[in-house]
Amino acid sequence: GALTYFEVLTALAFLRFAEVGVQCAVVEVGVGGTLDATNVFPPQSLAAAVITSIGTDHWDALGGSLGHIVRAKCGIIHPHRPVFIAPQTSLDAKALLLSCAFESRGRVVGEWDVTVVAVPHGVTWRDDGGGRGGGRLVQRVDFVITSEDDGGGGAGSHSGNMVRRTLEGVHMSLLGAHQRDNARTALAVMEFLRRGGGQGADDCNGGE
């Protein structure tokens, strides 16, 4: 059949990435994962797969059950490549995602690798400086990040020592606890990759 609008848009985006030499891109799946137009990356090009909280979006299109949705979401997981599972609203969803991730032989990144704790300090008004009352509500959050120090050994090295740092006074324009969870997941991904995660001997040389 004919290509859909989203498929054409995705192909054009990837073409543009190649033209300008993009080295790292955050690519959001459209619907599900397994059959989505974005799910075309070879394992060696996938820095990490990230599965956020499962909701009821596209419930019918993905099979009409939690199990079907989890299967579709886990279609972006590749053997030995890092996979992050964000906090879930139900234990059933978390259990199914973990089971599917291990079945797919993904390298599940957990709290033993990196932890991010969000400490909220309420909602405040942020003046954008444009005058005429311009501004917006933001939530102010501190993020405490704990991860393993590589001991100076480079990507994939393990020292057994945990280091902690804090990002203080982060202003988030997206409100709500679920947005803090999304930010925690994003920070965990960045911290893991920044410290060379996914590039060690345990990761089968980039998924090969």
N, C-alpha and C. Protein backbone atom coordinates (compact mmCIF):
# COMPACT_ATOMS: atom_id res chain seq x y z
N GLY A 1 0.82 -1.20 0.00
CA GLY A 1 0.00 0.00 0.00
C GLY A 1 0.85 1.25 0.00
N ALA A 2 0.19 2.37 -0.07
CA ALA A 2 0.88 3.66 -0.09
C ALA A 2 1.47 3.98 1.28
N LEU A 3 2.55 4.73 1.27
CA LEU A 3 3.17 5.16 2.51
C LEU A 3 2.25 6.13 3.24
N THR A 4 2.25 6.07 4.56
CA THR A 4 1.46 7.01 5.35
C THR A 4 2.23 8.32 5.51
N TYR A 5 1.51 9.34 5.94
CA TYR A 5 2.13 10.64 6.17
C TYR A 5 3.27 10.51 7.18
N PHE A 6 3.04 9.76 8.27
CA PHE A 6 4.05 9.61 9.31
C PHE A 6 5.28 8.87 8.79
N GLU A 7 5.09 7.87 7.95
CA GLU A 7 6.22 7.14 7.38
C GLU A 7 7.07 8.04 6.49
N VAL A 8 6.43 8.86 5.67
CA VAL A 8 7.16 9.79 4.81
C VAL A 8 7.90 10.81 5.67
N LEU A 9 7.23 11.34 6.68
CA LEU A 9 7.84 12.34 7.57
C LEU A 9 9.05 11.75 8.29
N THR A 10 8.93 10.50 8.73
CA THR A 10 10.03 9.84 9.43
C THR A 10 11.23 9.64 8.49
N ALA A 11 10.96 9.19 7.27
CA ALA A 11 12.04 8.99 6.29
C ALA A 11 12.75 10.31 5.98
N LEU A 12 11.99 11.39 5.83
CA LEU A 12 12.59 12.69 5.55
C LEU A 12 13.42 13.18 6.73
N ALA A 13 12.94 12.90 7.95
CA ALA A 13 13.70 13.30 9.14
C ALA A 13 15.04 12.57 9.20
N PHE A 14 15.03 11.25 8.94
CA PHE A 14 16.27 10.49 8.96
C PHE A 14 17.23 10.94 7.85
N LEU A 15 16.67 11.28 6.70
CA LEU A 15 17.49 11.80 5.61
C LEU A 15 18.17 13.10 6.02
N ARG A 16 17.40 13.97 6.67
CA ARG A 16 17.96 15.24 7.12
C ARG A 16 19.03 15.03 8.18
N PHE A 17 18.80 14.07 9.08
CA PHE A 17 19.81 13.75 10.10
C PHE A 17 21.13 13.37 9.43
N ALA A 18 21.03 12.54 8.37
CA ALA A 18 22.24 12.09 7.67
C ALA A 18 22.93 13.26 6.96
N GLU A 19 22.14 14.15 6.38
CA GLU A 19 22.71 15.28 5.63
C GLU A 19 23.50 16.23 6.51
N VAL A 20 23.01 16.46 7.73
CA VAL A 20 23.67 17.42 8.62
C VAL A 20 24.64 16.75 9.60
N GLY A 21 24.75 15.42 9.50
CA GLY A 21 25.72 14.71 10.33
C GLY A 21 25.34 14.59 11.80
N VAL A 22 24.07 14.37 12.06
CA VAL A 22 23.63 14.20 13.46
C VAL A 22 24.34 12.98 14.07
N GLN A 23 24.94 13.18 15.24
CA GLN A 23 25.64 12.10 15.91
C GLN A 23 24.77 11.36 16.92
N CYS A 24 23.81 12.05 17.48
CA CYS A 24 22.93 11.43 18.47
C CYS A 24 21.56 12.08 18.36
N ALA A 25 20.52 11.27 18.32
CA ALA A 25 19.16 11.79 18.18
C ALA A 25 18.22 11.07 19.12
N VAL A 26 17.28 11.81 19.67
CA VAL A 26 16.20 11.23 20.46
C VAL A 26 15.01 11.04 19.53
N VAL A 27 14.65 9.79 19.26
CA VAL A 27 13.60 9.47 18.30
C VAL A 27 12.42 8.87 19.05
N GLU A 28 11.29 9.53 18.98
CA GLU A 28 10.10 9.06 19.69
C GLU A 28 9.24 8.19 18.76
N VAL A 29 8.87 7.03 19.27
CA VAL A 29 8.00 6.12 18.51
C VAL A 29 6.63 6.75 18.32
N GLY A 30 6.03 6.49 17.17
CA GLY A 30 4.70 7.02 16.91
C GLY A 30 3.63 6.23 17.63
N VAL A 31 3.45 4.97 17.26
CA VAL A 31 2.45 4.09 17.88
C VAL A 31 3.09 2.73 18.15
N GLY A 32 3.05 2.31 19.40
CA GLY A 32 3.56 0.98 19.75
C GLY A 32 5.06 0.91 19.72
N GLY A 33 5.61 0.19 18.76
CA GLY A 33 7.05 0.03 18.68
C GLY A 33 7.46 -0.96 17.60
N THR A 34 6.95 -2.18 17.70
CA THR A 34 7.38 -3.24 16.79
C THR A 34 7.22 -2.87 15.32
N LEU A 35 6.05 -2.39 14.95
CA LEU A 35 5.76 -2.09 13.55
C LEU A 35 5.82 -0.59 13.24
N ASP A 36 6.36 0.19 14.15
CA ASP A 36 6.40 1.64 13.94
C ASP A 36 7.47 2.01 12.91
N ALA A 37 7.23 3.08 12.20
CA ALA A 37 8.14 3.53 11.15
C ALA A 37 9.51 3.91 11.69
N THR A 38 9.59 4.27 12.98
CA THR A 38 10.87 4.67 13.56
C THR A 38 11.75 3.47 13.95
N ASN A 39 11.16 2.28 13.98
CA ASN A 39 11.87 1.10 14.48
C ASN A 39 12.69 0.44 13.37
N VAL A 40 13.69 1.16 12.89
CA VAL A 40 14.51 0.67 11.78
C VAL A 40 16.00 0.71 12.09
N PHE A 41 16.37 1.00 13.32
CA PHE A 41 17.78 1.14 13.66
C PHE A 41 18.44 -0.22 13.85
N PRO A 42 19.60 -0.43 13.26
CA PRO A 42 20.36 -1.66 13.54
C PRO A 42 20.87 -1.60 14.98
N PRO A 43 21.06 -2.75 15.63
CA PRO A 43 21.48 -2.76 17.03
C PRO A 43 22.71 -1.90 17.31
N GLN A 44 23.70 -1.93 16.42
CA GLN A 44 24.93 -1.19 16.67
C GLN A 44 24.73 0.32 16.66
N SER A 45 23.60 0.78 16.13
CA SER A 45 23.32 2.21 16.09
C SER A 45 22.40 2.66 17.23
N LEU A 46 21.93 1.72 18.03
CA LEU A 46 20.98 2.04 19.09
C LEU A 46 21.72 2.23 20.41
N ALA A 47 21.79 3.47 20.87
CA ALA A 47 22.46 3.75 22.15
C ALA A 47 21.64 3.19 23.30
N ALA A 48 20.33 3.33 23.23
CA ALA A 48 19.46 2.82 24.28
C ALA A 48 18.02 2.86 23.81
N ALA A 49 17.23 1.92 24.33
CA ALA A 49 15.77 1.94 24.12
C ALA A 49 15.13 2.37 25.44
N VAL A 50 14.15 3.25 25.36
CA VAL A 50 13.51 3.79 26.57
C VAL A 50 12.00 3.57 26.47
N ILE A 51 11.44 2.91 27.47
CA ILE A 51 10.00 2.67 27.50
C ILE A 51 9.41 3.44 28.66
N THR A 52 8.59 4.42 28.35
CA THR A 52 7.98 5.26 29.38
C THR A 52 6.73 4.58 29.94
N SER A 53 6.04 5.29 30.82
CA SER A 53 4.87 4.71 31.49
C SER A 53 3.80 4.33 30.48
N ILE A 54 3.29 3.12 30.60
CA ILE A 54 2.27 2.63 29.68
C ILE A 54 0.89 3.15 30.09
N GLY A 55 0.20 3.76 29.12
CA GLY A 55 -1.15 4.25 29.36
C GLY A 55 -2.13 3.56 28.44
N THR A 56 -3.25 4.20 28.23
CA THR A 56 -4.30 3.61 27.38
C THR A 56 -4.32 4.21 25.98
N ASP A 57 -3.31 5.02 25.65
CA ASP A 57 -3.23 5.57 24.30
C ASP A 57 -3.12 4.45 23.27
N HIS A 58 -3.87 4.54 22.22
CA HIS A 58 -3.82 3.56 21.13
C HIS A 58 -4.12 2.13 21.62
N TRP A 59 -4.90 2.02 22.68
CA TRP A 59 -5.20 0.71 23.29
C TRP A 59 -5.76 -0.26 22.25
N ASP A 60 -6.79 0.17 21.53
CA ASP A 60 -7.43 -0.72 20.55
C ASP A 60 -6.49 -1.03 19.38
N ALA A 61 -5.74 -0.03 18.93
CA ALA A 61 -4.86 -0.23 17.78
C ALA A 61 -3.74 -1.22 18.08
N LEU A 62 -3.41 -1.38 19.35
CA LEU A 62 -2.30 -2.25 19.71
C LEU A 62 -2.75 -3.60 20.26
N GLY A 63 -4.04 -3.90 20.14
CA GLY A 63 -4.50 -5.24 20.52
C GLY A 63 -5.54 -5.29 21.61
N GLY A 64 -5.74 -4.17 22.32
CA GLY A 64 -6.82 -4.11 23.29
C GLY A 64 -6.53 -4.73 24.64
N SER A 65 -5.28 -5.08 24.93
CA SER A 65 -4.95 -5.63 26.25
C SER A 65 -3.56 -5.15 26.66
N LEU A 66 -3.29 -5.22 27.95
CA LEU A 66 -1.99 -4.80 28.46
C LEU A 66 -0.87 -5.65 27.86
N GLY A 67 -1.11 -6.94 27.75
CA GLY A 67 -0.11 -7.83 27.20
C GLY A 67 0.26 -7.47 25.77
N HIS A 68 -0.75 -7.16 24.95
CA HIS A 68 -0.48 -6.78 23.57
C HIS A 68 0.32 -5.47 23.49
N ILE A 69 -0.03 -4.51 24.35
CA ILE A 69 0.67 -3.23 24.34
C ILE A 69 2.13 -3.41 24.75
N VAL A 70 2.36 -4.22 25.78
CA VAL A 70 3.73 -4.47 26.23
C VAL A 70 4.55 -5.11 25.12
N ARG A 71 3.97 -6.08 24.42
CA ARG A 71 4.67 -6.75 23.31
C ARG A 71 5.05 -5.73 22.24
N ALA A 72 4.12 -4.84 21.93
CA ALA A 72 4.39 -3.83 20.90
C ALA A 72 5.49 -2.88 21.36
N LYS A 73 5.42 -2.45 22.61
CA LYS A 73 6.42 -1.52 23.14
C LYS A 73 7.81 -2.15 23.14
N CYS A 74 7.87 -3.43 23.52
CA CYS A 74 9.17 -4.11 23.63
C CYS A 74 9.78 -4.44 22.28
N GLY A 75 9.07 -4.16 21.21
CA GLY A 75 9.62 -4.41 19.88
C GLY A 75 10.82 -3.55 19.54
N ILE A 76 11.06 -2.49 20.33
CA ILE A 76 12.22 -1.62 20.05
C ILE A 76 13.48 -2.13 20.75
N ILE A 77 13.35 -3.19 21.56
CA ILE A 77 14.49 -3.72 22.31
C ILE A 77 15.33 -4.64 21.43
N HIS A 78 16.65 -4.48 21.50
CA HIS A 78 17.58 -5.35 20.77
C HIS A 78 18.45 -6.12 21.77
N PRO A 79 18.87 -7.33 21.43
CA PRO A 79 19.74 -8.10 22.32
C PRO A 79 20.99 -7.33 22.72
N HIS A 80 21.26 -7.34 24.02
CA HIS A 80 22.47 -6.77 24.61
C HIS A 80 22.54 -5.25 24.55
N ARG A 81 21.53 -4.60 24.04
CA ARG A 81 21.54 -3.13 24.02
C ARG A 81 20.79 -2.61 25.24
N PRO A 82 21.23 -1.48 25.81
CA PRO A 82 20.60 -0.94 27.02
C PRO A 82 19.12 -0.63 26.83
N VAL A 83 18.33 -0.98 27.83
CA VAL A 83 16.91 -0.65 27.82
C VAL A 83 16.53 -0.09 29.18
N PHE A 84 15.83 1.02 29.17
CA PHE A 84 15.37 1.69 30.38
C PHE A 84 13.85 1.57 30.47
N ILE A 85 13.37 1.17 31.62
CA ILE A 85 11.93 1.06 31.85
C ILE A 85 11.55 2.09 32.91
N ALA A 86 10.77 3.07 32.51
CA ALA A 86 10.38 4.15 33.41
C ALA A 86 9.41 3.64 34.48
N PRO A 87 9.23 4.38 35.56
CA PRO A 87 8.24 4.00 36.57
C PRO A 87 6.87 3.78 35.94
N GLN A 88 6.20 2.70 36.36
CA GLN A 88 4.91 2.33 35.79
C GLN A 88 3.79 2.56 36.80
N THR A 89 2.59 2.73 36.30
CA THR A 89 1.44 2.99 37.17
C THR A 89 0.87 1.71 37.78
N SER A 90 1.29 0.56 37.28
CA SER A 90 0.81 -0.70 37.84
C SER A 90 1.94 -1.72 37.91
N LEU A 91 1.86 -2.60 38.92
CA LEU A 91 2.86 -3.65 39.06
C LEU A 91 2.79 -4.64 37.91
N ASP A 92 1.57 -4.87 37.38
CA ASP A 92 1.41 -5.79 36.25
C ASP A 92 2.19 -5.29 35.04
N ALA A 93 2.08 -4.00 34.76
CA ALA A 93 2.78 -3.43 33.61
C ALA A 93 4.29 -3.56 33.78
N LYS A 94 4.79 -3.26 34.98
CA LYS A 94 6.22 -3.35 35.23
C LYS A 94 6.72 -4.79 35.08
N ALA A 95 5.96 -5.73 35.66
CA ALA A 95 6.36 -7.14 35.59
C ALA A 95 6.39 -7.64 34.16
N LEU A 96 5.37 -7.29 33.38
CA LEU A 96 5.31 -7.72 31.98
C LEU A 96 6.45 -7.12 31.16
N LEU A 97 6.75 -5.84 31.41
CA LEU A 97 7.83 -5.18 30.67
C LEU A 97 9.18 -5.81 30.99
N LEU A 98 9.43 -6.08 32.27
CA LEU A 98 10.70 -6.70 32.64
C LEU A 98 10.83 -8.09 32.05
N SER A 99 9.73 -8.85 32.10
CA SER A 99 9.74 -10.20 31.54
C SER A 99 10.04 -10.16 30.04
N CYS A 100 9.38 -9.24 29.35
CA CYS A 100 9.57 -9.12 27.90
C CYS A 100 10.98 -8.64 27.57
N ALA A 101 11.50 -7.73 28.37
CA ALA A 101 12.85 -7.21 28.13
C ALA A 101 13.89 -8.32 28.30
N PHE A 102 13.75 -9.13 29.34
CA PHE A 102 14.70 -10.23 29.54
C PHE A 102 14.55 -11.29 28.45
N GLU A 103 13.30 -11.52 28.03
CA GLU A 103 13.06 -12.48 26.94
C GLU A 103 13.71 -12.01 25.65
N SER A 104 13.72 -10.70 25.45
CA SER A 104 14.33 -10.12 24.25
C SER A 104 15.84 -9.99 24.39
N ARG A 105 16.36 -10.38 25.55
CA ARG A 105 17.80 -10.33 25.85
C ARG A 105 18.35 -8.91 25.85
N GLY A 106 17.48 -7.96 26.21
CA GLY A 106 17.94 -6.59 26.35
C GLY A 106 18.76 -6.43 27.62
N ARG A 107 19.61 -5.44 27.64
CA ARG A 107 20.45 -5.15 28.79
C ARG A 107 19.67 -4.15 29.67
N VAL A 108 18.88 -4.67 30.62
CA VAL A 108 18.04 -3.82 31.45
C VAL A 108 18.92 -2.98 32.38
N VAL A 109 18.75 -1.67 32.31
CA VAL A 109 19.48 -0.75 33.18
C VAL A 109 18.60 -0.45 34.39
N GLY A 110 19.12 -0.76 35.58
CA GLY A 110 18.32 -0.58 36.79
C GLY A 110 18.99 0.29 37.81
N GLU A 111 18.45 0.29 39.02
CA GLU A 111 18.98 1.14 40.08
C GLU A 111 20.38 0.73 40.51
N TRP A 112 20.80 -0.48 40.16
CA TRP A 112 22.17 -0.90 40.46
C TRP A 112 23.17 -0.21 39.54
N ASP A 113 22.69 0.38 38.44
CA ASP A 113 23.55 1.11 37.52
C ASP A 113 23.52 2.61 37.80
N VAL A 114 22.33 3.15 37.89
CA VAL A 114 22.15 4.59 38.11
C VAL A 114 20.78 4.82 38.74
N THR A 115 20.74 5.72 39.71
CA THR A 115 19.47 6.10 40.32
C THR A 115 19.32 7.62 40.24
N VAL A 116 18.10 8.04 40.03
CA VAL A 116 17.79 9.47 40.02
C VAL A 116 16.59 9.69 40.93
N VAL A 117 16.77 10.52 41.94
CA VAL A 117 15.70 10.84 42.88
C VAL A 117 15.27 12.28 42.65
N ALA A 118 13.97 12.50 42.52
CA ALA A 118 13.43 13.84 42.34
C ALA A 118 12.92 14.36 43.68
N VAL A 119 13.38 15.56 44.06
CA VAL A 119 12.94 16.21 45.30
C VAL A 119 12.18 17.48 44.92
N PRO A 120 10.84 17.43 44.92
CA PRO A 120 10.05 18.60 44.49
C PRO A 120 10.02 19.69 45.56
N HIS A 121 9.99 20.93 45.11
CA HIS A 121 9.91 22.08 46.02
C HIS A 121 8.74 22.98 45.66
N GLY A 122 7.67 22.38 45.15
CA GLY A 122 6.46 23.13 44.87
C GLY A 122 6.43 23.78 43.50
N VAL A 123 5.34 24.49 43.27
CA VAL A 123 5.10 25.17 42.00
C VAL A 123 5.22 26.67 42.22
N THR A 124 5.88 27.35 41.29
CA THR A 124 6.08 28.78 41.41
C THR A 124 5.85 29.46 40.06
N TRP A 125 5.77 30.76 40.09
CA TRP A 125 5.60 31.54 38.85
C TRP A 125 6.96 32.00 38.37
N ARG A 126 7.26 31.73 37.11
CA ARG A 126 8.53 32.14 36.53
C ARG A 126 8.29 33.28 35.54
N ASP A 127 8.90 34.40 35.81
CA ASP A 127 8.78 35.56 34.94
C ASP A 127 9.71 35.39 33.74
N ASP A 128 9.13 35.43 32.55
CA ASP A 128 9.93 35.24 31.34
C ASP A 128 10.69 36.51 30.94
N GLY A 129 10.47 37.59 31.66
CA GLY A 129 11.22 38.81 31.39
C GLY A 129 10.73 39.60 30.20
N GLY A 130 9.59 39.22 29.66
CA GLY A 130 9.08 39.93 28.49
C GLY A 130 8.14 41.07 28.82
N GLY A 131 7.91 41.30 30.13
CA GLY A 131 6.99 42.37 30.51
C GLY A 131 5.54 41.97 30.30
N ARG A 132 4.65 42.87 30.63
CA ARG A 132 3.21 42.67 30.45
C ARG A 132 2.72 41.38 31.13
N GLY A 133 3.36 41.05 32.23
CA GLY A 133 2.90 39.88 32.98
C GLY A 133 3.27 38.56 32.35
N GLY A 134 4.19 38.58 31.39
CA GLY A 134 4.57 37.33 30.72
C GLY A 134 5.28 36.39 31.67
N GLY A 135 4.88 35.16 31.65
CA GLY A 135 5.50 34.17 32.52
C GLY A 135 4.70 32.88 32.49
N ARG A 136 5.08 31.96 33.37
CA ARG A 136 4.40 30.67 33.38
C ARG A 136 4.63 29.98 34.71
N LEU A 137 3.77 29.02 35.00
CA LEU A 137 3.94 28.20 36.17
C LEU A 137 4.99 27.13 35.90
N VAL A 138 5.86 26.90 36.86
CA VAL A 138 6.87 25.86 36.74
C VAL A 138 6.94 25.12 38.07
N GLN A 139 7.34 23.86 38.00
CA GLN A 139 7.64 23.16 39.23
C GLN A 139 9.15 23.17 39.43
N ARG A 140 9.55 23.44 40.66
CA ARG A 140 10.97 23.52 40.99
C ARG A 140 11.39 22.20 41.63
N VAL A 141 12.43 21.59 41.07
CA VAL A 141 12.82 20.24 41.47
C VAL A 141 14.34 20.14 41.59
N ASP A 142 14.79 19.44 42.64
CA ASP A 142 16.19 19.03 42.72
C ASP A 142 16.27 17.57 42.29
N PHE A 143 17.28 17.22 41.51
CA PHE A 143 17.49 15.84 41.09
C PHE A 143 18.82 15.33 41.65
N VAL A 144 18.77 14.24 42.41
CA VAL A 144 19.96 13.63 43.00
C VAL A 144 20.30 12.39 42.16
N ILE A 145 21.48 12.41 41.53
CA ILE A 145 21.91 11.36 40.61
C ILE A 145 23.04 10.55 41.24
N THR A 146 22.86 9.25 41.31
CA THR A 146 23.89 8.37 41.85
C THR A 146 24.24 7.32 40.80
N SER A 147 25.52 7.18 40.51
CA SER A 147 25.95 6.19 39.51
C SER A 147 27.34 5.69 39.85
N GLU A 148 27.75 4.63 39.17
CA GLU A 148 29.05 4.05 39.43
C GLU A 148 30.15 4.83 38.74
N ASP A 149 31.21 5.13 39.51
CA ASP A 149 32.37 5.79 38.95
C ASP A 149 33.17 4.77 38.12
N ASP A 150 33.61 5.17 36.94
CA ASP A 150 34.36 4.22 36.11
C ASP A 150 35.81 4.07 36.57
N GLY A 151 36.20 4.82 37.60
CA GLY A 151 37.54 4.68 38.16
C GLY A 151 38.64 5.15 37.23
N GLY A 152 38.26 5.93 36.22
CA GLY A 152 39.25 6.41 35.27
C GLY A 152 39.60 5.41 34.19
N GLY A 153 38.86 4.29 34.17
CA GLY A 153 39.18 3.23 33.21
C GLY A 153 38.49 3.37 31.88
N GLY A 154 37.64 4.42 31.76
CA GLY A 154 36.97 4.63 30.48
C GLY A 154 35.66 3.88 30.37
N ALA A 155 35.10 3.89 29.16
CA ALA A 155 33.77 3.31 28.90
C ALA A 155 33.71 1.85 29.30
N GLY A 156 32.67 1.53 30.07
CA GLY A 156 32.43 0.14 30.43
C GLY A 156 33.23 -0.36 31.61
N SER A 157 34.10 0.49 32.19
CA SER A 157 34.90 0.08 33.34
C SER A 157 34.05 0.10 34.61
N HIS A 158 34.41 -0.73 35.58
CA HIS A 158 33.67 -0.82 36.83
C HIS A 158 34.63 -0.66 38.00
N SER A 159 34.36 0.31 38.87
CA SER A 159 35.20 0.53 40.04
C SER A 159 34.53 0.04 41.32
N GLY A 160 33.22 -0.10 41.28
CA GLY A 160 32.48 -0.49 42.48
C GLY A 160 32.18 0.69 43.38
N ASN A 161 32.67 1.87 43.03
CA ASN A 161 32.43 3.07 43.83
C ASN A 161 31.28 3.88 43.23
N MET A 162 30.36 4.28 44.10
CA MET A 162 29.23 5.07 43.64
C MET A 162 29.49 6.54 43.92
N VAL A 163 29.16 7.38 42.96
CA VAL A 163 29.33 8.82 43.12
C VAL A 163 27.97 9.49 43.01
N ARG A 164 27.83 10.62 43.70
CA ARG A 164 26.53 11.31 43.74
C ARG A 164 26.73 12.77 43.40
N ARG A 165 25.80 13.29 42.64
CA ARG A 165 25.78 14.73 42.37
C ARG A 165 24.34 15.19 42.30
N THR A 166 24.14 16.49 42.47
CA THR A 166 22.79 17.04 42.55
C THR A 166 22.60 18.18 41.56
N LEU A 167 21.50 18.13 40.84
CA LEU A 167 21.09 19.25 40.00
C LEU A 167 20.03 20.01 40.79
N GLU A 168 20.37 21.20 41.23
CA GLU A 168 19.49 21.94 42.13
C GLU A 168 18.68 22.99 41.40
N GLY A 169 17.44 23.17 41.86
CA GLY A 169 16.60 24.25 41.37
C GLY A 169 16.22 24.17 39.92
N VAL A 170 16.01 22.97 39.41
CA VAL A 170 15.58 22.81 38.02
C VAL A 170 14.13 23.27 37.89
N HIS A 171 13.86 24.13 36.93
CA HIS A 171 12.50 24.61 36.67
C HIS A 171 11.90 23.82 35.52
N MET A 172 10.81 23.12 35.80
CA MET A 172 10.13 22.32 34.78
C MET A 172 8.79 22.96 34.43
N SER A 173 8.62 23.29 33.16
CA SER A 173 7.37 23.92 32.73
C SER A 173 6.23 22.91 32.60
N LEU A 174 6.57 21.63 32.54
CA LEU A 174 5.55 20.58 32.52
C LEU A 174 5.30 20.15 33.96
N LEU A 175 4.06 20.27 34.41
CA LEU A 175 3.73 20.05 35.81
C LEU A 175 3.26 18.62 36.06
N GLY A 176 3.36 18.20 37.31
CA GLY A 176 2.84 16.89 37.70
C GLY A 176 3.93 15.90 38.04
N ALA A 177 3.56 14.93 38.89
CA ALA A 177 4.52 13.91 39.32
C ALA A 177 4.98 13.05 38.15
N HIS A 178 4.08 12.78 37.19
CA HIS A 178 4.47 11.94 36.05
C HIS A 178 5.54 12.62 35.20
N GLN A 179 5.54 13.95 35.17
CA GLN A 179 6.59 14.66 34.42
C GLN A 179 7.93 14.58 35.15
N ARG A 180 7.89 14.54 36.48
CA ARG A 180 9.13 14.32 37.22
C ARG A 180 9.67 12.92 36.94
N ASP A 181 8.78 11.94 36.83
CA ASP A 181 9.21 10.58 36.49
C ASP A 181 9.86 10.55 35.11
N ASN A 182 9.26 11.25 34.16
CA ASN A 182 9.84 11.31 32.81
C ASN A 182 11.23 11.95 32.84
N ALA A 183 11.36 13.02 33.63
CA ALA A 183 12.66 13.69 33.74
C ALA A 183 13.68 12.78 34.41
N ARG A 184 13.26 12.05 35.43
CA ARG A 184 14.17 11.10 36.10
C ARG A 184 14.70 10.06 35.11
N THR A 185 13.80 9.55 34.28
CA THR A 185 14.20 8.55 33.29
C THR A 185 15.18 9.14 32.28
N ALA A 186 14.89 10.33 31.79
CA ALA A 186 15.77 10.99 30.82
C ALA A 186 17.16 11.23 31.42
N LEU A 187 17.20 11.68 32.67
CA LEU A 187 18.49 11.92 33.32
C LEU A 187 19.26 10.62 33.54
N ALA A 188 18.54 9.55 33.87
CA ALA A 188 19.19 8.25 34.05
C ALA A 188 19.84 7.78 32.75
N VAL A 189 19.14 7.96 31.64
CA VAL A 189 19.69 7.58 30.33
C VAL A 189 20.95 8.39 30.03
N MET A 190 20.87 9.70 30.22
CA MET A 190 22.02 10.56 29.92
C MET A 190 23.21 10.23 30.81
N GLU A 191 22.95 9.99 32.10
CA GLU A 191 24.04 9.67 33.03
C GLU A 191 24.71 8.34 32.66
N PHE A 192 23.87 7.34 32.34
CA PHE A 192 24.40 6.03 31.98
C PHE A 192 25.27 6.11 30.73
N LEU A 193 24.79 6.80 29.71
CA LEU A 193 25.55 6.92 28.47
C LEU A 193 26.78 7.81 28.66
N ARG A 194 26.65 8.85 29.46
CA ARG A 194 27.78 9.76 29.72
C ARG A 194 28.95 9.02 30.36
N ARG A 195 28.64 8.03 31.16
CA ARG A 195 29.68 7.25 31.84
C ARG A 195 30.09 6.01 31.04
N GLY A 196 29.72 5.98 29.78
CA GLY A 196 30.17 4.89 28.92
C GLY A 196 29.32 3.65 28.97
N GLY A 197 28.13 3.74 29.55
CA GLY A 197 27.24 2.58 29.59
C GLY A 197 26.85 2.11 28.21
N GLY A 198 26.76 0.79 28.06
CA GLY A 198 26.40 0.22 26.77
C GLY A 198 27.58 -0.01 25.86
N GLN A 199 28.78 0.34 26.34
CA GLN A 199 29.96 0.20 25.48
C GLN A 199 31.00 -0.78 26.05
N GLY A 200 30.66 -1.47 27.13
CA GLY A 200 31.61 -2.38 27.74
C GLY A 200 31.55 -3.78 27.17
N ALA A 201 32.40 -4.66 27.71
CA ALA A 201 32.47 -6.04 27.22
C ALA A 201 31.16 -6.79 27.43
N ASP A 202 30.43 -6.43 28.49
CA ASP A 202 29.16 -7.09 28.78
C ASP A 202 28.08 -6.76 27.76
N ASP A 203 28.33 -5.74 26.96
CA ASP A 203 27.34 -5.29 25.99
C ASP A 203 27.63 -5.81 24.59
N CYS A 204 28.48 -6.80 24.48
CA CYS A 204 28.76 -7.49 23.21
C CYS A 204 29.18 -6.51 22.11
N ASN A 205 30.05 -5.56 22.48
CA ASN A 205 30.65 -4.67 21.49
C ASN A 205 29.60 -3.96 20.64
N GLY A 206 28.68 -3.28 21.35
CA GLY A 206 27.69 -2.49 20.61
C GLY A 206 26.60 -3.32 20.01
N GLY A 207 26.32 -4.48 20.56
CA GLY A 207 25.18 -5.26 20.10
C GLY A 207 25.49 -6.30 19.05
N GLU A 208 26.74 -6.37 18.59
CA GLU A 208 27.07 -7.33 17.53
C GLU A 208 27.23 -8.74 18.11
